[in-house]
Amino acid sequence: MIIPVRCFSCGKPVADKFDEYSKKIGEGQTPAKALDEVGMTRYCCRRMFLGQVDLLEEILPYARF
């Protein structure tokens, strides 16, 4: 998954929090609670994680080596 380094709207760094967010989601927390614990309080930054779609598995079969 490709996460942008900074929020598109406010410019706050967001990529460094994604690993911790993914771990909390994997443990079964709700996305809202996980984002609160990671420190993502601005709605523009929260959308960077919530709106992300993982397309890597769909693209890999078409990779040219």
PDB file of N, CA and C in Angstrom:
ATOM      1  N   MET A   1       0.839  -1.161   0.000  1.00  0.00           N
ATOM      2  CA  MET A   1       0.000   0.000   0.000  1.00  0.00           C
ATOM      3  C   MET A   1       0.894   1.236   0.000  1.00  0.00           C
ATOM      4  N   ILE A   2       0.551   2.184  -0.783  1.00  0.00           N
ATOM      5  CA  ILE A   2       1.322   3.413  -0.870  1.00  0.00           C
ATOM      6  C   ILE A   2       0.586   4.501  -0.092  1.00  0.00           C
ATOM      7  N   ILE A   3       1.201   4.932   0.992  1.00  0.00           N
ATOM      8  CA  ILE A   3       0.628   5.975   1.833  1.00  0.00           C
ATOM      9  C   ILE A   3       1.369   7.270   1.545  1.00  0.00           C
ATOM     10  N   PRO A   4       0.677   8.360   1.314  1.00  0.00           N
ATOM     11  CA  PRO A   4       1.363   9.636   1.108  1.00  0.00           C
ATOM     12  C   PRO A   4       2.158  10.040   2.351  1.00  0.00           C
ATOM     13  N   VAL A   5       3.266  10.712   2.148  1.00  0.00           N
ATOM     14  CA  VAL A   5       4.114  11.131   3.255  1.00  0.00           C
ATOM     15  C   VAL A   5       3.425  12.211   4.074  1.00  0.00           C
ATOM     16  N   ARG A   6       2.775  13.145   3.407  1.00  0.00           N
ATOM     17  CA  ARG A   6       2.105  14.253   4.098  1.00  0.00           C
ATOM     18  C   ARG A   6       0.637  14.310   3.685  1.00  0.00           C
ATOM     19  N   CYS A   7      -0.157  14.898   4.545  1.00  0.00           N
ATOM     20  CA  CYS A   7      -1.571  15.117   4.248  1.00  0.00           C
ATOM     21  C   CYS A   7      -1.674  16.105   3.089  1.00  0.00           C
ATOM     22  N   PHE A   8      -2.568  15.833   2.158  1.00  0.00           N
ATOM     23  CA  PHE A   8      -2.721  16.699   1.000  1.00  0.00           C
ATOM     24  C   PHE A   8      -3.258  18.074   1.373  1.00  0.00           C
ATOM     25  N   SER A   9      -4.068  18.157   2.416  1.00  0.00           N
ATOM     26  CA  SER A   9      -4.700  19.419   2.785  1.00  0.00           C
ATOM     27  C   SER A   9      -3.853  20.294   3.695  1.00  0.00           C
ATOM     28  N   CYS A  10      -3.379  19.718   4.812  1.00  0.00           N
ATOM     29  CA  CYS A  10      -2.701  20.545   5.813  1.00  0.00           C
ATOM     30  C   CYS A  10      -1.185  20.391   5.810  1.00  0.00           C
ATOM     31  N   GLY A  11      -0.659  19.340   5.198  1.00  0.00           N
ATOM     32  CA  GLY A  11       0.783  19.162   5.121  1.00  0.00           C
ATOM     33  C   GLY A  11       1.406  18.458   6.313  1.00  0.00           C
ATOM     34  N   LYS A  12       0.597  17.974   7.261  1.00  0.00           N
ATOM     35  CA  LYS A  12       1.116  17.264   8.429  1.00  0.00           C
ATOM     36  C   LYS A  12       1.636  15.892   8.003  1.00  0.00           C
ATOM     37  N   PRO A  13       2.804  15.451   8.506  1.00  0.00           N
ATOM     38  CA  PRO A  13       3.316  14.114   8.173  1.00  0.00           C
ATOM     39  C   PRO A  13       2.377  13.027   8.691  1.00  0.00           C
ATOM     40  N   VAL A  14       2.017  12.084   7.831  1.00  0.00           N
ATOM     41  CA  VAL A  14       1.101  11.016   8.224  1.00  0.00           C
ATOM     42  C   VAL A  14       1.669   9.619   7.991  1.00  0.00           C
ATOM     43  N   ALA A  15       2.644   9.464   7.126  1.00  0.00           N
ATOM     44  CA  ALA A  15       3.131   8.139   6.754  1.00  0.00           C
ATOM     45  C   ALA A  15       3.789   7.405   7.917  1.00  0.00           C
ATOM     46  N   ASP A  16       4.377   8.124   8.855  1.00  0.00           N
ATOM     47  CA  ASP A  16       5.065   7.482   9.963  1.00  0.00           C
ATOM     48  C   ASP A  16       4.104   6.823  10.946  1.00  0.00           C
ATOM     49  N   LYS A  17       2.829   7.135  10.878  1.00  0.00           N
ATOM     50  CA  LYS A  17       1.849   6.578  11.794  1.00  0.00           C
ATOM     51  C   LYS A  17       1.108   5.377  11.215  1.00  0.00           C
ATOM     52  N   PHE A  18       1.350   5.052   9.962  1.00  0.00           N
ATOM     53  CA  PHE A  18       0.561   4.014   9.309  1.00  0.00           C
ATOM     54  C   PHE A  18       0.845   2.619   9.857  1.00  0.00           C
ATOM     55  N   ASP A  19       2.091   2.297  10.167  1.00  0.00           N
ATOM     56  CA  ASP A  19       2.401   0.963  10.688  1.00  0.00           C
ATOM     57  C   ASP A  19       1.702   0.709  12.012  1.00  0.00           C
ATOM     58  N   GLU A  20       1.727   1.685  12.892  1.00  0.00           N
ATOM     59  CA  GLU A  20       1.060   1.544  14.182  1.00  0.00           C
ATOM     60  C   GLU A  20      -0.455   1.437  13.995  1.00  0.00           C
ATOM     61  N   TYR A  21      -0.999   2.216  13.067  1.00  0.00           N
ATOM     62  CA  TYR A  21      -2.434   2.155  12.768  1.00  0.00           C
ATOM     63  C   TYR A  21      -2.817   0.771  12.245  1.00  0.00           C
ATOM     64  N   SER A  22      -2.025   0.222  11.343  1.00  0.00           N
ATOM     65  CA  SER A  22      -2.312  -1.101  10.784  1.00  0.00           C
ATOM     66  C   SER A  22      -2.268  -2.179  11.856  1.00  0.00           C
ATOM     67  N   LYS A  23      -1.315  -2.061  12.776  1.00  0.00           N
ATOM     68  CA  LYS A  23      -1.204  -3.032  13.855  1.00  0.00           C
ATOM     69  C   LYS A  23      -2.447  -2.992  14.745  1.00  0.00           C
ATOM     70  N   LYS A  24      -2.929  -1.801  15.046  1.00  0.00           N
ATOM     71  CA  LYS A  24      -4.116  -1.663  15.895  1.00  0.00           C
ATOM     72  C   LYS A  24      -5.367  -2.185  15.189  1.00  0.00           C
ATOM     73  N   ILE A  25      -5.468  -1.960  13.901  1.00  0.00           N
ATOM     74  CA  ILE A  25      -6.607  -2.485  13.139  1.00  0.00           C
ATOM     75  C   ILE A  25      -6.552  -4.006  13.109  1.00  0.00           C
ATOM     76  N   GLY A  26      -5.351  -4.565  12.954  1.00  0.00           N
ATOM     77  CA  GLY A  26      -5.190  -6.016  12.961  1.00  0.00           C
ATOM     78  C   GLY A  26      -5.552  -6.648  14.292  1.00  0.00           C
ATOM     79  N   GLU A  27      -5.413  -5.898  15.374  1.00  0.00           N
ATOM     80  CA  GLU A  27      -5.775  -6.397  16.699  1.00  0.00           C
ATOM     81  C   GLU A  27      -7.277  -6.338  16.944  1.00  0.00           C
ATOM     82  N   GLY A  28      -8.021  -5.713  16.037  1.00  0.00           N
ATOM     83  CA  GLY A  28      -9.474  -5.697  16.142  1.00  0.00           C
ATOM     84  C   GLY A  28     -10.078  -4.396  16.620  1.00  0.00           C
ATOM     85  N   GLN A  29      -9.294  -3.341  16.709  1.00  0.00           N
ATOM     86  CA  GLN A  29      -9.849  -2.058  17.120  1.00  0.00           C
ATOM     87  C   GLN A  29     -10.632  -1.433  15.972  1.00  0.00           C
ATOM     88  N   THR A  30     -11.552  -0.568  16.325  1.00  0.00           N
ATOM     89  CA  THR A  30     -12.280   0.158  15.298  1.00  0.00           C
ATOM     90  C   THR A  30     -11.353   1.213  14.699  1.00  0.00           C
ATOM     91  N   PRO A  31     -11.558   1.584  13.436  1.00  0.00           N
ATOM     92  CA  PRO A  31     -10.701   2.600  12.826  1.00  0.00           C
ATOM     93  C   PRO A  31     -10.719   3.924  13.576  1.00  0.00           C
ATOM     94  N   ALA A  32     -11.859   4.333  14.100  1.00  0.00           N
ATOM     95  CA  ALA A  32     -11.941   5.613  14.813  1.00  0.00           C
ATOM     96  C   ALA A  32     -11.074   5.596  16.069  1.00  0.00           C
ATOM     97  N   LYS A  33     -11.157   4.530  16.832  1.00  0.00           N
ATOM     98  CA  LYS A  33     -10.367   4.431  18.062  1.00  0.00           C
ATOM     99  C   LYS A  33      -8.877   4.324  17.742  1.00  0.00           C
ATOM    100  N   ALA A  34      -8.527   3.559  16.700  1.00  0.00           N
ATOM    101  CA  ALA A  34      -7.130   3.408  16.322  1.00  0.00           C
ATOM    102  C   ALA A  34      -6.540   4.745  15.874  1.00  0.00           C
ATOM    103  N   LEU A  35      -7.288   5.518  15.105  1.00  0.00           N
ATOM    104  CA  LEU A  35      -6.801   6.826  14.666  1.00  0.00           C
ATOM    105  C   LEU A  35      -6.639   7.780  15.836  1.00  0.00           C
ATOM    106  N   ASP A  36      -7.535   7.710  16.802  1.00  0.00           N
ATOM    107  CA  ASP A  36      -7.411   8.555  17.993  1.00  0.00           C
ATOM    108  C   ASP A  36      -6.151   8.203  18.781  1.00  0.00           C
ATOM    109  N   GLU A  37      -5.876   6.910  18.935  1.00  0.00           N
ATOM    110  CA  GLU A  37      -4.706   6.481  19.696  1.00  0.00           C
ATOM    111  C   GLU A  37      -3.398   6.797  18.987  1.00  0.00           C
ATOM    112  N   VAL A  38      -3.411   6.800  17.662  1.00  0.00           N
ATOM    113  CA  VAL A  38      -2.209   7.113  16.891  1.00  0.00           C
ATOM    114  C   VAL A  38      -1.933   8.609  16.904  1.00  0.00           C
ATOM    115  N   GLY A  39      -2.948   9.409  17.154  1.00  0.00           N
ATOM    116  CA  GLY A  39      -2.769  10.855  17.225  1.00  0.00           C
ATOM    117  C   GLY A  39      -3.265  11.595  16.001  1.00  0.00           C
ATOM    118  N   MET A  40      -4.065  10.945  15.186  1.00  0.00           N
ATOM    119  CA  MET A  40      -4.644  11.585  14.010  1.00  0.00           C
ATOM    120  C   MET A  40      -5.960  12.226  14.424  1.00  0.00           C
ATOM    121  N   THR A  41      -5.926  13.543  14.668  1.00  0.00           N
ATOM    122  CA  THR A  41      -7.121  14.220  15.162  1.00  0.00           C
ATOM    123  C   THR A  41      -7.805  15.058  14.092  1.00  0.00           C
ATOM    124  N   ARG A  42      -7.072  15.505  13.096  1.00  0.00           N
ATOM    125  CA  ARG A  42      -7.670  16.334  12.039  1.00  0.00           C
ATOM    126  C   ARG A  42      -8.406  15.448  11.039  1.00  0.00           C
ATOM    127  N   TYR A  43      -9.569  15.886  10.633  1.00  0.00           N
ATOM    128  CA  TYR A  43     -10.358  15.071   9.712  1.00  0.00           C
ATOM    129  C   TYR A  43      -9.689  14.934   8.346  1.00  0.00           C
ATOM    130  N   CYS A  44      -8.904  15.933   7.945  1.00  0.00           N
ATOM    131  CA  CYS A  44      -8.239  15.836   6.643  1.00  0.00           C
ATOM    132  C   CYS A  44      -7.146  14.769   6.679  1.00  0.00           C
ATOM    133  N   CYS A  45      -6.479  14.608   7.813  1.00  0.00           N
ATOM    134  CA  CYS A  45      -5.441  13.580   7.950  1.00  0.00           C
ATOM    135  C   CYS A  45      -6.067  12.193   8.095  1.00  0.00           C
ATOM    136  N   ARG A  46      -7.182  12.117   8.782  1.00  0.00           N
ATOM    137  CA  ARG A  46      -7.848  10.823   8.981  1.00  0.00           C
ATOM    138  C   ARG A  46      -8.313  10.243   7.652  1.00  0.00           C
ATOM    139  N   ARG A  47      -8.734  11.103   6.739  1.00  0.00           N
ATOM    140  CA  ARG A  47      -9.208  10.602   5.448  1.00  0.00           C
ATOM    141  C   ARG A  47      -8.084   9.989   4.626  1.00  0.00           C
ATOM    142  N   MET A  48      -6.831  10.374   4.925  1.00  0.00           N
ATOM    143  CA  MET A  48      -5.701   9.812   4.192  1.00  0.00           C
ATOM    144  C   MET A  48      -5.593   8.311   4.454  1.00  0.00           C
ATOM    145  N   PHE A  49      -5.926   7.868   5.661  1.00  0.00           N
ATOM    146  CA  PHE A  49      -5.895   6.445   5.993  1.00  0.00           C
ATOM    147  C   PHE A  49      -7.197   5.749   5.633  1.00  0.00           C
ATOM    148  N   LEU A  50      -8.319   6.381   5.934  1.00  0.00           N
ATOM    149  CA  LEU A  50      -9.613   5.743   5.710  1.00  0.00           C
ATOM    150  C   LEU A  50      -9.953   5.624   4.228  1.00  0.00           C
ATOM    151  N   GLY A  51      -9.458   6.525   3.416  1.00  0.00           N
ATOM    152  CA  GLY A  51      -9.761   6.498   1.993  1.00  0.00           C
ATOM    153  C   GLY A  51      -8.779   5.703   1.155  1.00  0.00           C
ATOM    154  N   GLN A  52      -7.789   5.113   1.785  1.00  0.00           N
ATOM    155  CA  GLN A  52      -6.759   4.374   1.059  1.00  0.00           C
ATOM    156  C   GLN A  52      -7.282   3.002   0.640  1.00  0.00           C
ATOM    157  N   VAL A  53      -7.053   2.606  -0.606  1.00  0.00           N
ATOM    158  CA  VAL A  53      -7.473   1.322  -1.125  1.00  0.00           C
ATOM    159  C   VAL A  53      -6.221   0.542  -1.521  1.00  0.00           C
ATOM    160  N   ASP A  54      -6.118  -0.707  -1.050  1.00  0.00           N
ATOM    161  CA  ASP A  54      -4.960  -1.534  -1.336  1.00  0.00           C
ATOM    162  C   ASP A  54      -5.155  -2.243  -2.678  1.00  0.00           C
ATOM    163  N   LEU A  55      -4.445  -1.793  -3.686  1.00  0.00           N
ATOM    164  CA  LEU A  55      -4.562  -2.369  -5.023  1.00  0.00           C
ATOM    165  C   LEU A  55      -3.337  -3.182  -5.423  1.00  0.00           C
ATOM    166  N   LEU A  56      -2.389  -3.344  -4.521  1.00  0.00           N
ATOM    167  CA  LEU A  56      -1.143  -4.006  -4.850  1.00  0.00           C
ATOM    168  C   LEU A  56      -1.355  -5.440  -5.328  1.00  0.00           C
ATOM    169  N   GLU A  57      -2.220  -6.190  -4.671  1.00  0.00           N
ATOM    170  CA  GLU A  57      -2.467  -7.577  -5.062  1.00  0.00           C
ATOM    171  C   GLU A  57      -3.112  -7.668  -6.448  1.00  0.00           C
ATOM    172  N   GLU A  58      -3.870  -6.661  -6.840  1.00  0.00           N
ATOM    173  CA  GLU A  58      -4.493  -6.671  -8.155  1.00  0.00           C
ATOM    174  C   GLU A  58      -3.522  -6.275  -9.256  1.00  0.00           C
ATOM    175  N   ILE A  59      -2.518  -5.472  -8.931  1.00  0.00           N
ATOM    176  CA  ILE A  59      -1.570  -4.973  -9.920  1.00  0.00           C
ATOM    177  C   ILE A  59      -0.417  -5.956 -10.148  1.00  0.00           C
ATOM    178  N   LEU A  60      -0.037  -6.723  -9.129  1.00  0.00           N
ATOM    179  CA  LEU A  60       1.124  -7.612  -9.224  1.00  0.00           C
ATOM    180  C   LEU A  60       1.086  -8.592 -10.398  1.00  0.00           C
ATOM    181  N   PRO A  61      -0.049  -9.186 -10.761  1.00  0.00           N
ATOM    182  CA  PRO A  61      -0.029 -10.112 -11.903  1.00  0.00           C
ATOM    183  C   PRO A  61       0.383  -9.450 -13.222  1.00  0.00           C
ATOM    184  N   TYR A  62       0.264  -8.148 -13.319  1.00  0.00           N
ATOM    185  CA  TYR A  62       0.595  -7.447 -14.556  1.00  0.00           C
ATOM    186  C   TYR A  62       1.994  -6.832 -14.536  1.00  0.00           C
ATOM    187  N   ALA A  63       2.750  -7.113 -13.490  1.00  0.00           N
ATOM    188  CA  ALA A  63       4.093  -6.514 -13.371  1.00  0.00           C
ATOM    189  C   ALA A  63       5.004  -7.066 -14.461  1.00  0.00           C
ATOM    190  N   ARG A  64       5.827  -6.184 -15.013  1.00  0.00           N
ATOM    191  CA  ARG A  64       6.774  -6.577 -16.058  1.00  0.00           C
ATOM    192  C   ARG A  64       8.156  -6.631 -15.439  1.00  0.00           C
ATOM    193  N   PHE A  65       8.796  -7.763 -15.541  1.00  0.00           N
ATOM    194  CA  PHE A  65      10.134  -7.925 -14.988  1.00  0.00           C
ATOM    195  C   PHE A  65      11.162  -8.051 -16.076  1.00  0.00           C
TER     196      PHE A  65
END
